[in-house]
Amino acid sequence: MHPMLTIATRAARAAGQTIMRAYTELDRVEVSSKGINDFVTSVDKEAEATITYQIRKSYPDHTIVGEEDGENRGTDKDYVWIVDPLDGTNNFVRGIPHFAVSIAVQYKGKIEVAVIYDPVREELFSAVRGKGAKLNDFRLRVTNVNDLSNTMIGTGFPFKARQHTDTYMAILAEVFPQCADLRRTGSAALDLAYVAAGRLDGFFEIGLKPWDIAAGDLICREAGGTVTDFMGAHNYMTSGNIVAGSPKVTTQLVKTIRPLLNEGLKR
């Protein structure tokens, strides 16, 4: 096992224990607002501290970028751990059992190791660059479909970027008639993991952050998927606008989405 995958797995499972302890006592969880429709809990912060502790024990010099604590610089700038301690906070707060821990390791700008851990189902999605993707001990492959008909497509509403609501609804109106059904589950990390596992055929969302995307990006690609931005390029880590799926599904989604984009999304 890749040594950094071992540490990422250990950190994700430890954070998962913290999250599940709190999940049994949701009335004690402190919730505060970071911005419009953007919430953070005491559990997000505790889980991120747990992950940071596990990483620092083995790699004290590495840089850590977390959703809650921002950039925690180390002396080694080549290695960057990108952490979302609780992806799906809104689900968690409302007692909906669908959320995950997401951890990715970037070396000189390329993601090398990724882990997404669902503590409710005890499902660990992981990947090492060039070595494939796994769910627990089983190899993952994206679905092998040729077009959007009969596909299940995941998405997320742009609830933090409502200026794009009209464009998003236009995209939905074009995608929905072409596919079998759509799902919006509330965790982009798990959506990307589900694409890798063949549970979803494709996924698209507007305005995500690097910690939402980083681990799922590698897991999806190592399972044979294609990940692009809305223009079919590779700027999604910067723009936050992402399309993922089996190669032909991604191509079809981009072909459908691109003509509908406003100027703010053409990047």
Protein backbone atom coordinates (compact mmCIF):
# COMPACT_ATOMS: atom_id res chain seq x y z
CA MET A 1 0.00 0.00 0.00
CA HIS A 2 1.25 3.49 -0.84
CA PRO A 3 2.44 5.01 2.48
CA MET A 4 0.48 8.23 1.96
CA LEU A 5 -2.63 6.21 1.13
CA THR A 6 -2.17 4.43 4.46
CA ILE A 7 -2.06 7.76 6.32
CA ALA A 8 -4.95 9.25 4.32
CA THR A 9 -7.05 6.16 5.07
CA ARG A 10 -6.18 6.29 8.77
CA ALA A 11 -7.01 10.02 8.92
CA ALA A 12 -10.32 9.54 7.07
CA ARG A 13 -11.43 6.70 9.33
CA ALA A 14 -10.48 8.66 12.47
CA ALA A 15 -12.47 11.66 11.23
CA GLY A 16 -15.34 9.31 10.40
CA GLN A 17 -15.42 8.10 14.01
CA THR A 18 -15.60 11.71 15.21
CA ILE A 19 -18.46 12.44 12.79
CA MET A 20 -20.48 9.32 13.67
CA ARG A 21 -20.18 9.97 17.42
CA ALA A 22 -21.68 13.40 16.85
CA TYR A 23 -24.31 12.02 14.45
CA THR A 24 -25.91 10.09 17.31
CA GLU A 25 -26.28 13.36 19.29
CA LEU A 26 -27.17 15.94 16.66
CA ASP A 27 -28.95 18.15 19.19
CA ARG A 28 -25.54 18.89 20.75
CA VAL A 29 -23.86 19.91 17.50
CA GLU A 30 -23.12 23.63 17.19
CA VAL A 31 -23.98 25.10 13.79
CA SER A 32 -22.88 28.50 12.52
CA SER A 33 -23.05 30.30 9.17
CA LYS A 34 -19.95 30.99 7.04
CA GLY A 35 -21.96 32.81 4.39
CA ILE A 36 -25.22 32.67 2.47
CA ASN A 37 -26.48 29.06 2.54
CA ASP A 38 -23.04 27.95 3.77
CA PHE A 39 -22.86 26.31 7.19
CA VAL A 40 -20.13 24.90 9.39
CA THR A 41 -20.48 22.77 12.51
CA SER A 42 -18.29 22.07 15.49
CA VAL A 43 -17.94 18.57 14.00
CA ASP A 44 -16.42 19.88 10.74
CA LYS A 45 -13.75 21.64 12.80
CA GLU A 46 -13.11 18.68 15.10
CA ALA A 47 -12.90 16.25 12.17
CA GLU A 48 -10.45 18.52 10.34
CA ALA A 49 -8.29 18.79 13.47
CA THR A 50 -8.28 14.98 13.69
CA ILE A 51 -7.15 14.69 10.05
CA THR A 52 -4.46 17.34 10.48
CA TYR A 53 -3.14 15.54 13.57
CA GLN A 54 -2.87 12.23 11.71
CA ILE A 55 -1.10 13.83 8.74
CA ARG A 56 1.30 15.85 10.88
CA LYS A 57 2.36 12.74 12.85
CA SER A 58 3.82 11.22 9.67
CA TYR A 59 4.43 14.25 7.46
CA PRO A 60 5.15 17.27 9.67
CA ASP A 61 6.60 19.29 6.77
CA HIS A 62 3.74 18.94 4.29
CA THR A 63 1.25 21.72 3.53
CA ILE A 64 -2.42 21.09 4.36
CA VAL A 65 -5.30 22.98 2.75
CA GLY A 66 -8.57 22.39 4.60
CA GLU A 67 -12.06 23.73 4.07
CA GLU A 68 -12.30 25.07 7.62
CA ASP A 69 -8.75 26.06 8.59
CA GLY A 70 -7.53 27.25 5.20
CA GLU A 71 -3.87 26.77 4.31
CA ASN A 72 -1.66 25.26 6.99
CA ARG A 73 1.75 25.75 5.42
CA GLY A 74 4.60 23.33 5.92
CA THR A 75 8.21 23.75 4.86
CA ASP A 76 7.64 21.25 2.02
CA LYS A 77 5.51 23.11 -0.55
CA ASP A 78 5.61 20.26 -3.11
CA TYR A 79 3.24 18.07 -1.08
CA VAL A 80 -0.21 19.52 -0.45
CA TRP A 81 -3.00 17.63 1.35
CA ILE A 82 -6.44 18.90 0.28
CA VAL A 83 -9.03 18.14 2.93
CA ASP A 84 -12.80 18.36 3.26
CA PRO A 85 -13.53 16.94 6.72
CA LEU A 86 -17.30 16.70 6.16
CA ASP A 87 -18.62 16.98 2.62
CA GLY A 88 -22.40 17.16 2.88
CA THR A 89 -22.65 19.28 6.03
CA ASN A 90 -26.26 20.26 5.29
CA ASN A 91 -27.23 16.58 5.07
CA PHE A 92 -25.40 15.87 8.33
CA VAL A 93 -27.07 18.73 10.22
CA ARG A 94 -30.53 17.53 9.16
CA GLY A 95 -29.84 13.90 9.97
CA ILE A 96 -29.72 12.75 6.34
CA PRO A 97 -27.21 9.84 6.31
CA HIS A 98 -25.24 10.86 3.22
CA PHE A 99 -21.92 12.65 3.78
CA ALA A 100 -18.22 11.87 3.52
CA VAL A 101 -14.64 12.70 4.43
CA SER A 102 -12.52 13.69 1.42
CA ILE A 103 -8.69 13.72 1.41
CA ALA A 104 -6.35 14.15 -1.57
CA VAL A 105 -2.55 14.43 -1.75
CA GLN A 106 -1.10 16.65 -4.45
CA TYR A 107 2.58 16.48 -5.46
CA LYS A 108 3.89 19.35 -7.60
CA GLY A 109 0.36 20.18 -8.74
CA LYS A 110 -0.74 16.64 -9.59
CA ILE A 111 -3.06 14.57 -7.40
CA GLU A 112 -1.29 11.35 -6.45
CA VAL A 113 -3.46 9.83 -3.70
CA ALA A 114 -7.16 10.14 -2.91
CA VAL A 115 -9.57 8.85 -0.30
CA ILE A 116 -13.32 9.43 0.12
CA TYR A 117 -14.81 7.77 3.19
CA ASP A 118 -18.53 7.33 3.85
CA PRO A 119 -18.68 6.60 7.60
CA VAL A 120 -22.39 5.68 7.56
CA ARG A 121 -21.93 2.79 5.10
CA GLU A 122 -18.24 2.23 5.98
CA GLU A 123 -17.34 2.55 2.31
CA LEU A 124 -13.79 3.67 1.53
CA PHE A 125 -13.21 4.83 -2.05
CA SER A 126 -9.51 5.26 -2.84
CA ALA A 127 -7.03 5.71 -5.66
CA VAL A 128 -3.32 6.02 -6.29
CA ARG A 129 -2.25 7.68 -9.53
CA GLY A 130 -1.61 5.04 -12.18
CA LYS A 131 -2.75 2.19 -9.93
CA GLY A 132 -6.54 2.26 -10.38
CA ALA A 133 -9.38 2.95 -7.97
CA LYS A 134 -10.98 0.79 -5.30
CA LEU A 135 -14.05 0.59 -3.08
CA ASN A 136 -12.78 -1.16 0.05
CA ASP A 137 -10.89 -4.07 -1.62
CA PHE A 138 -12.77 -4.15 -4.93
CA ARG A 139 -11.59 -2.52 -8.17
CA LEU A 140 -13.81 0.20 -9.61
CA ARG A 141 -14.78 0.91 -13.22
CA VAL A 142 -17.10 3.54 -14.64
CA THR A 143 -20.07 2.31 -16.66
CA ASN A 144 -19.60 1.51 -20.32
CA VAL A 145 -22.37 3.45 -22.06
CA ASN A 146 -22.41 5.15 -25.45
CA ASP A 147 -24.94 7.96 -24.98
CA LEU A 148 -27.15 9.63 -22.38
CA SER A 149 -30.24 7.48 -22.91
CA ASN A 150 -30.94 5.24 -19.89
CA THR A 151 -28.24 6.97 -17.82
CA MET A 152 -28.48 8.13 -14.22
CA ILE A 153 -26.85 11.56 -13.90
CA GLY A 154 -25.86 13.21 -10.62
CA THR A 155 -25.88 16.97 -10.10
CA GLY A 156 -25.93 19.67 -7.46
CA PHE A 157 -27.93 22.90 -7.40
CA PRO A 158 -25.81 26.10 -7.32
CA PHE A 159 -27.17 27.11 -3.92
CA LYS A 160 -24.06 29.19 -3.15
CA ALA A 161 -23.97 30.74 -6.64
CA ARG A 162 -27.58 31.65 -7.31
CA GLN A 163 -26.62 34.16 -9.99
CA HIS A 164 -26.30 31.09 -12.22
CA THR A 165 -29.76 29.71 -11.40
CA ASP A 166 -31.31 30.51 -14.80
CA THR A 167 -28.41 28.95 -16.70
CA TYR A 168 -28.44 25.89 -14.44
CA MET A 169 -32.18 25.39 -14.94
CA ALA A 170 -31.71 25.68 -18.71
CA ILE A 171 -29.03 22.98 -18.52
CA LEU A 172 -31.34 20.74 -16.46
CA ALA A 173 -34.11 21.24 -19.01
CA GLU A 174 -31.78 19.99 -21.77
CA VAL A 175 -30.14 17.12 -19.88
CA PHE A 176 -33.24 15.62 -18.26
CA PRO A 177 -35.06 14.58 -21.47
CA GLN A 178 -31.90 12.86 -22.71
CA CYS A 179 -31.26 10.67 -19.63
CA ALA A 180 -33.28 8.18 -17.58
CA ASP A 181 -33.19 10.19 -14.35
CA LEU A 182 -31.30 12.76 -12.30
CA ARG A 183 -30.07 12.62 -8.70
CA ARG A 184 -29.10 15.43 -6.33
CA THR A 185 -27.75 13.88 -3.14
CA GLY A 186 -25.90 16.74 -1.44
CA SER A 187 -22.29 15.51 -1.46
CA ALA A 188 -20.17 16.21 -4.54
CA ALA A 189 -17.36 13.99 -3.22
CA LEU A 190 -19.69 10.99 -3.00
CA ASP A 191 -21.24 11.83 -6.38
CA LEU A 192 -17.79 11.59 -7.99
CA ALA A 193 -17.05 8.37 -6.08
CA TYR A 194 -20.39 6.97 -7.26
CA VAL A 195 -19.47 7.77 -10.87
CA ALA A 196 -16.25 5.80 -10.35
CA ALA A 197 -18.25 2.91 -8.88
CA GLY A 198 -20.74 2.87 -11.78
CA ARG A 199 -23.63 3.87 -9.53
CA LEU A 200 -23.98 7.09 -11.53
CA ASP A 201 -23.09 7.36 -15.21
CA GLY A 202 -22.19 11.04 -15.02
CA PHE A 203 -22.18 14.16 -12.85
CA PHE A 204 -22.08 17.94 -13.27
CA GLU A 205 -22.11 20.88 -10.88
CA ILE A 206 -21.39 24.62 -10.78
CA GLY A 207 -19.09 26.45 -8.36
CA LEU A 208 -17.41 23.73 -6.32
CA LYS A 209 -14.21 24.22 -4.30
CA PRO A 210 -10.93 22.29 -4.72
CA TRP A 211 -11.60 20.25 -1.55
CA ASP A 212 -14.97 19.17 -2.99
CA ILE A 213 -13.33 17.94 -6.19
CA ALA A 214 -9.72 16.86 -5.61
CA ALA A 215 -10.14 13.31 -4.26
CA GLY A 216 -13.14 12.46 -6.44
CA ASP A 217 -11.29 13.71 -9.53
CA LEU A 218 -8.48 11.14 -9.16
CA ILE A 219 -10.79 8.30 -8.08
CA CYS A 220 -13.04 8.91 -11.08
CA ARG A 221 -10.16 9.12 -13.57
CA GLU A 222 -8.45 6.03 -12.14
CA ALA A 223 -11.72 4.13 -12.62
CA GLY A 224 -11.62 4.99 -16.34
CA GLY A 225 -13.72 8.13 -16.22
CA THR A 226 -13.18 11.52 -17.85
CA VAL A 227 -13.29 14.77 -15.88
CA THR A 228 -13.51 18.21 -17.53
CA ASP A 229 -14.87 21.69 -17.00
CA PHE A 230 -17.99 22.92 -18.82
CA MET A 231 -15.94 23.85 -21.89
CA GLY A 232 -14.39 20.38 -22.14
CA ALA A 233 -11.05 21.68 -20.83
CA HIS A 234 -9.27 20.97 -17.54
CA ASN A 235 -9.80 24.16 -15.56
CA TYR A 236 -12.31 22.66 -13.11
CA MET A 237 -10.06 22.87 -10.03
CA THR A 238 -9.94 26.66 -10.55
CA SER A 239 -13.43 27.36 -11.90
CA GLY A 240 -15.23 24.78 -9.75
CA ASN A 241 -17.44 23.89 -12.73
CA ILE A 242 -17.13 20.16 -13.32
CA VAL A 243 -18.41 17.42 -15.61
CA ALA A 244 -17.44 13.81 -14.90
CA GLY A 245 -18.50 10.41 -16.16
CA SER A 246 -17.68 7.56 -18.45
CA PRO A 247 -15.87 9.08 -21.47
CA LYS A 248 -18.83 9.17 -23.89
CA VAL A 249 -21.22 10.44 -21.21
CA THR A 250 -18.86 13.29 -20.32
CA THR A 251 -18.57 14.20 -24.00
CA GLN A 252 -22.35 14.22 -24.40
CA LEU A 253 -22.88 16.29 -21.24
CA VAL A 254 -20.31 18.91 -22.34
CA LYS A 255 -21.89 19.02 -25.81
CA THR A 256 -25.29 19.69 -24.18
CA ILE A 257 -24.05 22.18 -21.56
CA ARG A 258 -21.60 24.32 -23.56
CA PRO A 259 -24.11 26.18 -25.80
CA LEU A 260 -26.16 27.21 -22.75
CA LEU A 261 -23.38 28.82 -20.71
CA ASN A 262 -23.44 32.47 -19.68
CA GLU A 263 -20.17 34.41 -19.87
CA GLY A 264 -19.42 33.81 -16.18
CA LEU A 265 -19.33 30.04 -16.73
CA LYS A 266 -17.17 30.01 -19.87
CA ARG A 267 -13.94 29.52 -17.95
